[in-house]
């Protein structure tokens, strides 16, 4: 089966753009870095919200990391927040890695389909997602499920690369096919806010930040070479290699360009009325 068809395989009723296989799951953690400031900002959003909502007692707060993968965000957030954490993902391969991590032993790891969560309505106080909704042909289906399982006054935190930012980053600048693919599946900030509003959420806010993704230009090249983001797995190999060659050429001539070490991300939040 051609690589494009394989990566775009959809499961019945889910309309996902890519399936995470064992190879992707194994490489997922190895190619990524979370700048501590990113975690601090997410923690502050969660803490500020729970402190404003008097019905929340910190020990009773239940948070769902939807699309948790290998626990990349779930575990460090659980180490910083005194909440009850659940990590949910459709990929058993990803969850197998999450469960194997010693630091994640106190977290509940669930296999779930994001478009039809099995949790009862009003089960969680907060839901966190990171670079997740672009995997779905209709992300509103996922957001509506989030609203259903959130308690009244519950907070949805969506941390993602907005379309207007990612098309200018090194992962797309040298890969026109990556732009073509992500233009069709990645919401811009204004679209994300509209989706949350359409699902019935209120007090919707967005903030954008620039963060360190890696330590050097060559490290960024290696990450791309290992296809650290999903869109690279959706490209045909010849086109990918051509873009990789252009990226390598630029990285060699501009190795001190901070653009090669950074990532621009948006955090959009909404509250269930």
C-alpha atoms as a PDB file:
ATOM      1  CA  UNK A   1       0.000   0.000   0.000  1.00  0.00           C
ATOM      2  CA  UNK A   2       1.447   3.442  -0.879  1.00  0.00           C
ATOM      3  CA  UNK A   3       2.651   5.542   2.036  1.00  0.00           C
ATOM      4  CA  UNK A   4       0.022   8.255   1.447  1.00  0.00           C
ATOM      5  CA  UNK A   5      -2.834   5.759   1.492  1.00  0.00           C
ATOM      6  CA  UNK A   6      -1.418   4.079   4.568  1.00  0.00           C
ATOM      7  CA  UNK A   7      -1.062   7.316   6.529  1.00  0.00           C
ATOM      8  CA  UNK A   8      -4.539   8.484   5.566  1.00  0.00           C
ATOM      9  CA  UNK A   9      -6.228   5.238   6.536  1.00  0.00           C
ATOM     10  CA  UNK A  10      -9.524   6.029   8.260  1.00  0.00           C
ATOM     11  CA  UNK A  11     -11.219   3.808  10.795  1.00  0.00           C
ATOM     12  CA  UNK A  12     -14.953   3.240  10.540  1.00  0.00           C
ATOM     13  CA  UNK A  13     -16.893   6.251  11.795  1.00  0.00           C
ATOM     14  CA  UNK A  14     -13.868   8.260  12.957  1.00  0.00           C
ATOM     15  CA  UNK A  15     -12.562  10.102   9.880  1.00  0.00           C
ATOM     16  CA  UNK A  16      -9.023  10.468  11.220  1.00  0.00           C
ATOM     17  CA  UNK A  17      -6.254  11.715   8.953  1.00  0.00           C
ATOM     18  CA  UNK A  18      -3.485   9.417  10.210  1.00  0.00           C
ATOM     19  CA  UNK A  19      -3.172   6.212  12.246  1.00  0.00           C
ATOM     20  CA  UNK A  20      -0.283   6.079  14.717  1.00  0.00           C
ATOM     21  CA  UNK A  21       1.498   2.764  14.193  1.00  0.00           C
ATOM     22  CA  UNK A  22       4.132   1.115  16.376  1.00  0.00           C
ATOM     23  CA  UNK A  23       7.052   2.791  14.606  1.00  0.00           C
ATOM     24  CA  UNK A  24       5.613   6.272  15.098  1.00  0.00           C
ATOM     25  CA  UNK A  25       4.772   5.459  18.717  1.00  0.00           C
ATOM     26  CA  UNK A  26       8.333   4.322  19.457  1.00  0.00           C
ATOM     27  CA  UNK A  27       9.860   7.475  17.960  1.00  0.00           C
ATOM     28  CA  UNK A  28       7.339   9.932  19.407  1.00  0.00           C
ATOM     29  CA  UNK A  29       9.073  10.816  22.675  1.00  0.00           C
ATOM     30  CA  UNK A  30      12.598  10.635  21.296  1.00  0.00           C
ATOM     31  CA  UNK A  31      12.107  13.521  18.900  1.00  0.00           C
ATOM     32  CA  UNK A  32      10.352  16.061  21.117  1.00  0.00           C
ATOM     33  CA  UNK A  33      11.240  18.574  23.784  1.00  0.00           C
ATOM     34  CA  UNK A  34       8.911  20.520  26.057  1.00  0.00           C
ATOM     35  CA  UNK A  35      10.354  23.806  27.191  1.00  0.00           C
ATOM     36  CA  UNK A  36       9.480  24.100  30.920  1.00  0.00           C
ATOM     37  CA  UNK A  37       7.884  27.481  30.265  1.00  0.00           C
ATOM     38  CA  UNK A  38       5.223  25.767  28.140  1.00  0.00           C
ATOM     39  CA  UNK A  39       4.298  23.513  31.047  1.00  0.00           C
ATOM     40  CA  UNK A  40       4.354  26.424  33.500  1.00  0.00           C
ATOM     41  CA  UNK A  41       1.894  28.390  31.361  1.00  0.00           C
ATOM     42  CA  UNK A  42      -0.510  25.444  31.051  1.00  0.00           C
ATOM     43  CA  UNK A  43      -0.292  24.787  34.792  1.00  0.00           C
ATOM     44  CA  UNK A  44      -1.050  28.440  35.515  1.00  0.00           C
ATOM     45  CA  UNK A  45      -4.162  28.340  33.316  1.00  0.00           C
ATOM     46  CA  UNK A  46      -5.417  25.229  35.127  1.00  0.00           C
ATOM     47  CA  UNK A  47      -4.627  26.519  38.609  1.00  0.00           C
ATOM     48  CA  UNK A  48      -6.110  29.960  37.984  1.00  0.00           C
ATOM     49  CA  UNK A  49      -9.325  28.396  36.733  1.00  0.00           C
ATOM     50  CA  UNK A  50      -9.711  26.001  39.654  1.00  0.00           C
ATOM     51  CA  UNK A  51      -8.992  28.762  42.154  1.00  0.00           C
ATOM     52  CA  UNK A  52     -11.679  30.955  40.588  1.00  0.00           C
ATOM     53  CA  UNK A  53     -14.209  28.140  40.709  1.00  0.00           C
ATOM     54  CA  UNK A  54     -15.077  27.594  44.366  1.00  0.00           C
ATOM     55  CA  UNK A  55     -16.758  24.264  43.658  1.00  0.00           C
ATOM     56  CA  UNK A  56     -13.332  22.780  42.848  1.00  0.00           C
ATOM     57  CA  UNK A  57     -11.242  21.322  45.625  1.00  0.00           C
ATOM     58  CA  UNK A  58      -7.721  20.673  44.277  1.00  0.00           C
ATOM     59  CA  UNK A  59      -7.639  17.061  45.429  1.00  0.00           C
ATOM     60  CA  UNK A  60     -10.965  16.366  43.742  1.00  0.00           C
ATOM     61  CA  UNK A  61     -10.230  17.968  40.367  1.00  0.00           C
ATOM     62  CA  UNK A  62     -10.377  15.456  37.530  1.00  0.00           C
ATOM     63  CA  UNK A  63      -8.487  16.278  34.343  1.00  0.00           C
ATOM     64  CA  UNK A  64      -8.545  14.392  31.056  1.00  0.00           C
ATOM     65  CA  UNK A  65      -5.625  14.574  28.630  1.00  0.00           C
ATOM     66  CA  UNK A  66      -7.402  13.679  25.395  1.00  0.00           C
ATOM     67  CA  UNK A  67      -5.110  12.341  22.687  1.00  0.00           C
ATOM     68  CA  UNK A  68      -2.441  11.818  25.335  1.00  0.00           C
ATOM     69  CA  UNK A  69      -0.241   9.596  23.187  1.00  0.00           C
ATOM     70  CA  UNK A  70       2.711   8.332  25.208  1.00  0.00           C
ATOM     71  CA  UNK A  71       1.935  10.628  28.135  1.00  0.00           C
ATOM     72  CA  UNK A  72       4.289  13.275  26.784  1.00  0.00           C
ATOM     73  CA  UNK A  73       2.290  16.079  28.433  1.00  0.00           C
ATOM     74  CA  UNK A  74       0.205  14.002  30.832  1.00  0.00           C
ATOM     75  CA  UNK A  75       3.060  12.887  33.061  1.00  0.00           C
ATOM     76  CA  UNK A  76       4.884  16.223  33.551  1.00  0.00           C
ATOM     77  CA  UNK A  77       1.555  17.985  34.124  1.00  0.00           C
ATOM     78  CA  UNK A  78       0.569  15.345  36.684  1.00  0.00           C
ATOM     79  CA  UNK A  79       3.877  15.976  38.453  1.00  0.00           C
ATOM     80  CA  UNK A  80       3.007  19.673  38.743  1.00  0.00           C
ATOM     81  CA  UNK A  81      -0.718  19.555  39.480  1.00  0.00           C
ATOM     82  CA  UNK A  82      -2.447  17.841  42.473  1.00  0.00           C
ATOM     83  CA  UNK A  83      -5.277  16.600  40.247  1.00  0.00           C
ATOM     84  CA  UNK A  84      -6.623  13.178  39.299  1.00  0.00           C
ATOM     85  CA  UNK A  85      -5.275  12.539  35.797  1.00  0.00           C
ATOM     86  CA  UNK A  86      -6.687  10.362  33.028  1.00  0.00           C
ATOM     87  CA  UNK A  87      -4.880   9.977  29.725  1.00  0.00           C
ATOM     88  CA  UNK A  88      -6.972   8.809  26.776  1.00  0.00           C
ATOM     89  CA  UNK A  89      -5.924   7.854  23.263  1.00  0.00           C
ATOM     90  CA  UNK A  90      -7.148   5.605  20.470  1.00  0.00           C
ATOM     91  CA  UNK A  91      -3.639   4.160  19.942  1.00  0.00           C
ATOM     92  CA  UNK A  92      -2.929   1.125  22.097  1.00  0.00           C
ATOM     93  CA  UNK A  93       0.702   1.342  20.926  1.00  0.00           C
ATOM     94  CA  UNK A  94       1.021   4.848  22.356  1.00  0.00           C
ATOM     95  CA  UNK A  95      -0.708   3.917  25.615  1.00  0.00           C
ATOM     96  CA  UNK A  96       1.501   0.858  26.032  1.00  0.00           C
ATOM     97  CA  UNK A  97       4.506   3.168  26.178  1.00  0.00           C
ATOM     98  CA  UNK A  98       2.712   5.549  28.565  1.00  0.00           C
ATOM     99  CA  UNK A  99       1.850   2.705  30.950  1.00  0.00           C
ATOM    100  CA  UNK A 100       5.462   1.513  30.952  1.00  0.00           C
ATOM    101  CA  UNK A 101       6.780   4.804  32.357  1.00  0.00           C
ATOM    102  CA  UNK A 102       7.416   4.707  36.087  1.00  0.00           C
ATOM    103  CA  UNK A 103       6.364   8.339  36.509  1.00  0.00           C
ATOM    104  CA  UNK A 104       2.956   7.581  35.036  1.00  0.00           C
ATOM    105  CA  UNK A 105       1.905   4.807  37.387  1.00  0.00           C
ATOM    106  CA  UNK A 106      -0.658   6.944  39.218  1.00  0.00           C
ATOM    107  CA  UNK A 107      -2.419   7.969  36.003  1.00  0.00           C
ATOM    108  CA  UNK A 108      -5.414   6.182  34.485  1.00  0.00           C
ATOM    109  CA  UNK A 109      -4.694   5.254  30.851  1.00  0.00           C
ATOM    110  CA  UNK A 110      -7.729   4.570  28.675  1.00  0.00           C
ATOM    111  CA  UNK A 111      -8.278   3.499  25.078  1.00  0.00           C
ATOM    112  CA  UNK A 112     -10.922   5.891  23.794  1.00  0.00           C
ATOM    113  CA  UNK A 113     -12.367   7.141  20.523  1.00  0.00           C
ATOM    114  CA  UNK A 114     -12.446  10.917  20.821  1.00  0.00           C
ATOM    115  CA  UNK A 115     -15.585  11.244  18.706  1.00  0.00           C
ATOM    116  CA  UNK A 116     -17.535   8.913  20.995  1.00  0.00           C
ATOM    117  CA  UNK A 117     -16.068   8.961  24.485  1.00  0.00           C
ATOM    118  CA  UNK A 118     -17.360   6.272  26.828  1.00  0.00           C
ATOM    119  CA  UNK A 119     -17.198   8.541  29.890  1.00  0.00           C
ATOM    120  CA  UNK A 120     -20.427   9.639  31.542  1.00  0.00           C
ATOM    121  CA  UNK A 121     -21.571  13.207  31.035  1.00  0.00           C
ATOM    122  CA  UNK A 122     -20.036  15.743  33.435  1.00  0.00           C
ATOM    123  CA  UNK A 123     -17.146  13.453  34.412  1.00  0.00           C
ATOM    124  CA  UNK A 124     -14.239  15.936  34.267  1.00  0.00           C
ATOM    125  CA  UNK A 125     -13.394  19.395  35.562  1.00  0.00           C
ATOM    126  CA  UNK A 126     -10.735  20.098  32.936  1.00  0.00           C
ATOM    127  CA  UNK A 127      -9.792  18.673  29.554  1.00  0.00           C
ATOM    128  CA  UNK A 128      -6.396  19.239  27.959  1.00  0.00           C
ATOM    129  CA  UNK A 129      -5.509  18.588  24.317  1.00  0.00           C
ATOM    130  CA  UNK A 130      -2.231  19.179  22.503  1.00  0.00           C
ATOM    131  CA  UNK A 131      -1.919  19.207  18.692  1.00  0.00           C
ATOM    132  CA  UNK A 132      -4.823  16.806  18.460  1.00  0.00           C
ATOM    133  CA  UNK A 133      -7.811  18.212  16.611  1.00  0.00           C
ATOM    134  CA  UNK A 134      -6.079  18.431  13.234  1.00  0.00           C
ATOM    135  CA  UNK A 135      -6.184  14.621  13.138  1.00  0.00           C
ATOM    136  CA  UNK A 136      -9.955  14.708  12.625  1.00  0.00           C
ATOM    137  CA  UNK A 137     -11.843  15.594   9.471  1.00  0.00           C
ATOM    138  CA  UNK A 138     -14.582  17.109  11.657  1.00  0.00           C
ATOM    139  CA  UNK A 139     -12.959  18.415  14.870  1.00  0.00           C
ATOM    140  CA  UNK A 140     -16.303  19.751  16.100  1.00  0.00           C
ATOM    141  CA  UNK A 141     -17.319  16.142  16.788  1.00  0.00           C
ATOM    142  CA  UNK A 142     -14.457  15.899  19.282  1.00  0.00           C
ATOM    143  CA  UNK A 143     -15.138  19.283  20.882  1.00  0.00           C
ATOM    144  CA  UNK A 144     -18.803  18.407  21.389  1.00  0.00           C
ATOM    145  CA  UNK A 145     -17.753  15.235  23.193  1.00  0.00           C
ATOM    146  CA  UNK A 146     -15.456  17.319  25.388  1.00  0.00           C
ATOM    147  CA  UNK A 147     -18.334  19.636  26.272  1.00  0.00           C
ATOM    148  CA  UNK A 148     -20.522  16.648  27.108  1.00  0.00           C
ATOM    149  CA  UNK A 149     -18.050  15.103  29.564  1.00  0.00           C
ATOM    150  CA  UNK A 150     -17.056  18.424  31.158  1.00  0.00           C
ATOM    151  CA  UNK A 151     -18.844  19.556  34.272  1.00  0.00           C
ATOM    152  CA  UNK A 152     -20.596  22.946  34.190  1.00  0.00           C
ATOM    153  CA  UNK A 153     -17.883  25.532  34.646  1.00  0.00           C
ATOM    154  CA  UNK A 154     -15.310  23.044  33.365  1.00  0.00           C
ATOM    155  CA  UNK A 155     -12.372  24.241  31.293  1.00  0.00           C
ATOM    156  CA  UNK A 156     -11.136  23.023  27.898  1.00  0.00           C
ATOM    157  CA  UNK A 157      -7.466  23.816  27.181  1.00  0.00           C
ATOM    158  CA  UNK A 158      -6.373  23.293  23.581  1.00  0.00           C
ATOM    159  CA  UNK A 159      -2.635  23.747  22.918  1.00  0.00           C
ATOM    160  CA  UNK A 160      -1.813  23.621  19.205  1.00  0.00           C
ATOM    161  CA  UNK A 161      -0.045  25.012  16.186  1.00  0.00           C
ATOM    162  CA  UNK A 162      -2.493  27.354  14.444  1.00  0.00           C
ATOM    163  CA  UNK A 163      -2.497  27.248  10.658  1.00  0.00           C
ATOM    164  CA  UNK A 164      -1.283  30.836  10.223  1.00  0.00           C
ATOM    165  CA  UNK A 165       1.826  30.001  12.268  1.00  0.00           C
ATOM    166  CA  UNK A 166       2.754  26.482  11.178  1.00  0.00           C
ATOM    167  CA  UNK A 167       2.796  27.304   7.454  1.00  0.00           C
ATOM    168  CA  UNK A 168       5.682  29.669   8.193  1.00  0.00           C
ATOM    169  CA  UNK A 169       7.727  27.230  10.300  1.00  0.00           C
ATOM    170  CA  UNK A 170      10.693  25.111   9.119  1.00  0.00           C
ATOM    171  CA  UNK A 171       8.500  21.993   9.016  1.00  0.00           C
ATOM    172  CA  UNK A 172       6.427  23.556   6.231  1.00  0.00           C
ATOM    173  CA  UNK A 173       8.553  26.272   4.609  1.00  0.00           C
ATOM    174  CA  UNK A 174      10.584  23.725   2.658  1.00  0.00           C
ATOM    175  CA  UNK A 175       7.705  21.265   2.144  1.00  0.00           C
ATOM    176  CA  UNK A 176       4.910  22.613  -0.067  1.00  0.00           C
ATOM    177  CA  UNK A 177       3.053  19.315   0.172  1.00  0.00           C
ATOM    178  CA  UNK A 178       3.010  19.641   3.967  1.00  0.00           C
ATOM    179  CA  UNK A 179       1.370  23.052   3.563  1.00  0.00           C
ATOM    180  CA  UNK A 180      -1.165  21.656   1.085  1.00  0.00           C
ATOM    181  CA  UNK A 181      -2.089  18.864   3.491  1.00  0.00           C
ATOM    182  CA  UNK A 182      -2.264  20.982   6.632  1.00  0.00           C
ATOM    183  CA  UNK A 183      -4.258  23.787   5.019  1.00  0.00           C
ATOM    184  CA  UNK A 184      -7.045  21.212   4.691  1.00  0.00           C
ATOM    185  CA  UNK A 185      -6.852  19.783   8.203  1.00  0.00           C
ATOM    186  CA  UNK A 186      -5.429  22.420  10.581  1.00  0.00           C
ATOM    187  CA  UNK A 187      -7.629  25.200  12.002  1.00  0.00           C
ATOM    188  CA  UNK A 188      -6.459  28.786  12.257  1.00  0.00           C
ATOM    189  CA  UNK A 189      -6.885  30.493  15.623  1.00  0.00           C
ATOM    190  CA  UNK A 190     -10.090  32.250  14.582  1.00  0.00           C
ATOM    191  CA  UNK A 191     -11.495  28.944  13.312  1.00  0.00           C
ATOM    192  CA  UNK A 192     -10.599  27.207  16.573  1.00  0.00           C
ATOM    193  CA  UNK A 193     -12.379  29.874  18.576  1.00  0.00           C
ATOM    194  CA  UNK A 194     -15.426  29.524  16.317  1.00  0.00           C
ATOM    195  CA  UNK A 195     -15.453  25.740  16.840  1.00  0.00           C
ATOM    196  CA  UNK A 196     -15.494  26.147  20.620  1.00  0.00           C
ATOM    197  CA  UNK A 197     -18.243  28.735  20.359  1.00  0.00           C
ATOM    198  CA  UNK A 198     -20.250  26.464  18.060  1.00  0.00           C
ATOM    199  CA  UNK A 199     -20.028  23.696  20.668  1.00  0.00           C
ATOM    200  CA  UNK A 200     -21.581  25.989  23.261  1.00  0.00           C
ATOM    201  CA  UNK A 201     -18.476  27.112  25.134  1.00  0.00           C
ATOM    202  CA  UNK A 202     -18.142  30.592  26.635  1.00  0.00           C
ATOM    203  CA  UNK A 203     -15.346  32.951  27.762  1.00  0.00           C
ATOM    204  CA  UNK A 204     -13.155  31.807  24.874  1.00  0.00           C
ATOM    205  CA  UNK A 205      -9.613  33.181  24.927  1.00  0.00           C
ATOM    206  CA  UNK A 206      -6.414  32.535  22.979  1.00  0.00           C
ATOM    207  CA  UNK A 207      -2.783  33.297  23.662  1.00  0.00           C
ATOM    208  CA  UNK A 208       0.210  32.706  21.431  1.00  0.00           C
ATOM    209  CA  UNK A 209       3.780  31.964  22.455  1.00  0.00           C
ATOM    210  CA  UNK A 210       7.147  31.159  20.920  1.00  0.00           C
ATOM    211  CA  UNK A 211       9.008  28.277  22.563  1.00  0.00           C
ATOM    212  CA  UNK A 212      12.250  26.384  22.183  1.00  0.00           C
ATOM    213  CA  UNK A 213      11.722  23.088  20.371  1.00  0.00           C
ATOM    214  CA  UNK A 214      15.334  21.946  20.073  1.00  0.00           C
ATOM    215  CA  UNK A 215      18.858  23.107  20.839  1.00  0.00           C
ATOM    216  CA  UNK A 216      20.401  23.478  17.378  1.00  0.00           C
ATOM    217  CA  UNK A 217      19.710  23.670  13.649  1.00  0.00           C
ATOM    218  CA  UNK A 218      21.103  20.183  13.156  1.00  0.00           C
ATOM    219  CA  UNK A 219      18.830  18.826  15.854  1.00  0.00           C
ATOM    220  CA  UNK A 220      15.837  20.287  13.996  1.00  0.00           C
ATOM    221  CA  UNK A 221      17.027  18.640  10.793  1.00  0.00           C
ATOM    222  CA  UNK A 222      17.300  15.298  12.580  1.00  0.00           C
ATOM    223  CA  UNK A 223      13.785  15.663  13.983  1.00  0.00           C
ATOM    224  CA  UNK A 224      12.400  16.326  10.516  1.00  0.00           C
ATOM    225  CA  UNK A 225      14.485  13.514   9.052  1.00  0.00           C
ATOM    226  CA  UNK A 226      12.860  11.164  11.571  1.00  0.00           C
ATOM    227  CA  UNK A 227       9.392  12.567  10.670  1.00  0.00           C
ATOM    228  CA  UNK A 228       8.598  13.811  14.146  1.00  0.00           C
ATOM    229  CA  UNK A 229       5.220  15.305  13.131  1.00  0.00           C
ATOM    230  CA  UNK A 230       2.336  13.498  11.475  1.00  0.00           C
ATOM    231  CA  UNK A 231       2.191  15.459   8.231  1.00  0.00           C
ATOM    232  CA  UNK A 232       5.568  14.065   7.156  1.00  0.00           C
ATOM    233  CA  UNK A 233       4.085  10.573   7.274  1.00  0.00           C
ATOM    234  CA  UNK A 234       1.328  11.726   4.921  1.00  0.00           C
ATOM    235  CA  UNK A 235       3.722  12.955   2.221  1.00  0.00           C
ATOM    236  CA  UNK A 236       5.084  10.901  -0.647  1.00  0.00           C
ATOM    237  CA  UNK A 237       8.705   9.953  -0.002  1.00  0.00           C
ATOM    238  CA  UNK A 238      10.221  11.619  -3.062  1.00  0.00           C
ATOM    239  CA  UNK A 239       8.677  14.985  -2.230  1.00  0.00           C
ATOM    240  CA  UNK A 240       9.668  14.637   1.420  1.00  0.00           C
ATOM    241  CA  UNK A 241      13.309  13.926   0.532  1.00  0.00           C
ATOM    242  CA  UNK A 242      13.405  16.916  -1.806  1.00  0.00           C
ATOM    243  CA  UNK A 243      12.179  19.219   0.970  1.00  0.00           C
ATOM    244  CA  UNK A 244      14.560  17.651   3.468  1.00  0.00           C
ATOM    245  CA  UNK A 245      17.456  18.423   1.140  1.00  0.00           C
ATOM    246  CA  UNK A 246      16.414  22.089   1.009  1.00  0.00           C
ATOM    247  CA  UNK A 247      16.084  22.228   4.797  1.00  0.00           C
ATOM    248  CA  UNK A 248      19.551  20.727   5.244  1.00  0.00           C
ATOM    249  CA  UNK A 249      21.024  23.269   2.860  1.00  0.00           C
ATOM    250  CA  UNK A 250      19.462  26.143   4.764  1.00  0.00           C
ATOM    251  CA  UNK A 251      20.440  24.730   8.168  1.00  0.00           C
ATOM    252  CA  UNK A 252      24.051  24.410   7.036  1.00  0.00           C
ATOM    253  CA  UNK A 253      24.224  28.029   5.881  1.00  0.00           C
ATOM    254  CA  UNK A 254      22.125  29.489   8.718  1.00  0.00           C
ATOM    255  CA  UNK A 255      22.930  27.269  11.661  1.00  0.00           C
ATOM    256  CA  UNK A 256      22.521  30.084  14.201  1.00  0.00           C
ATOM    257  CA  UNK A 257      19.076  31.170  12.996  1.00  0.00           C
ATOM    258  CA  UNK A 258      16.782  30.911  16.068  1.00  0.00           C
ATOM    259  CA  UNK A 259      13.850  30.164  13.732  1.00  0.00           C
ATOM    260  CA  UNK A 260      15.247  26.654  13.331  1.00  0.00           C
ATOM    261  CA  UNK A 261      15.113  26.047  17.080  1.00  0.00           C
ATOM    262  CA  UNK A 262      11.693  27.499  17.824  1.00  0.00           C
ATOM    263  CA  UNK A 263       8.018  26.649  17.556  1.00  0.00           C
ATOM    264  CA  UNK A 264       5.020  28.991  17.700  1.00  0.00           C
ATOM    265  CA  UNK A 265       1.984  27.627  19.539  1.00  0.00           C
ATOM    266  CA  UNK A 266      -1.455  28.886  20.498  1.00  0.00           C
ATOM    267  CA  UNK A 267      -3.480  27.957  23.571  1.00  0.00           C
ATOM    268  CA  UNK A 268      -7.231  28.427  23.138  1.00  0.00           C
ATOM    269  CA  UNK A 269      -9.471  27.932  26.172  1.00  0.00           C
ATOM    270  CA  UNK A 270     -13.214  27.799  26.654  1.00  0.00           C
ATOM    271  CA  UNK A 271     -15.524  27.257  29.622  1.00  0.00           C
ATOM    272  CA  UNK A 272     -18.638  25.091  29.629  1.00  0.00           C
ATOM    273  CA  UNK A 273     -21.573  27.246  30.568  1.00  0.00           C
END
